[in-house]
Amino acid sequence: MPANPKQTVVILDEEEISLADLTRTCRVHAEWVMELVDEGVIEPRTPAPQWRFAATTIVRVEKARRLQNDLGVNLPGVALALQLLDRIDALEARVRATSRRPDPDDAD
């Protein structure tokens, strides 16, 4: 039976990772991560030089890397794209929450 190349990994926002963990996991240079911080794409939880990030920052850095490498988007464009994607996610979550509410006219 062939091995499944896709794995599901659960990343919790409460967990923190170091800059070294982030660069190693995402296979990016620390200088590029610093540029992401300067551009406001990601935000460290603790001040430099001992930056700590939410573990979910890995997902954001991967999205930023794909936008830049695959689509040729510059860093300000990456920041804007991720900001808009965040807004879409928030709006979709609100729509899902609204659609789950019971209809007050159906209450007995």
Foldseek 3Di string as FASTA:
>chain_A
DDDDPDDDDDFDQPDKDWLVVLCVVLVHDSVVVVVCCVLVQADFPDDPPGTIGGRCVSVSVNQLCCCCVVVVQDSNRSSVVVVVVVVVVVVVVVVVVVVPDDDPVPDD
